[in-house]
């Protein structure tokens, strides 16, 4: 095996349909890249789409870079505006979710999972309008 791997993110299987997610694309090439420490994903939300759950981690910090479009991100009790080329670092224990604006939202997410198993917690419907 070589000491590098290359994959086109748009050619990685979209795992959102298998998870029943609509208006969202989520491509996680960890296996295709042979990652042992870091992990990256390409995520796209259709115009007006919102993450169906919030999530946080026990120990994994994550970084997000907005590639195209814009929208908002809820971080615990704060809601921040997002635009192209914004980079956001999120501490492990901070609950987070995304909402796309009228042009949709495309982002790159990077993390370094501590263990083979995810240390993430998902909370369905966490970002509600109530």
Foldseek 3Di string as FASTA:
>chain_A
DDPWADDDQVPADFCCVVVVHPQKTKGWCCVRGVDDWKTKIKMWGAAFDKPQWWKAFPAKKKKKAWQAAWFWKDWAPDIDTGHHGDMDIHGRGTIMMTTGHRHITIMMMMITAPDPDGRMDIGGPPDPPD
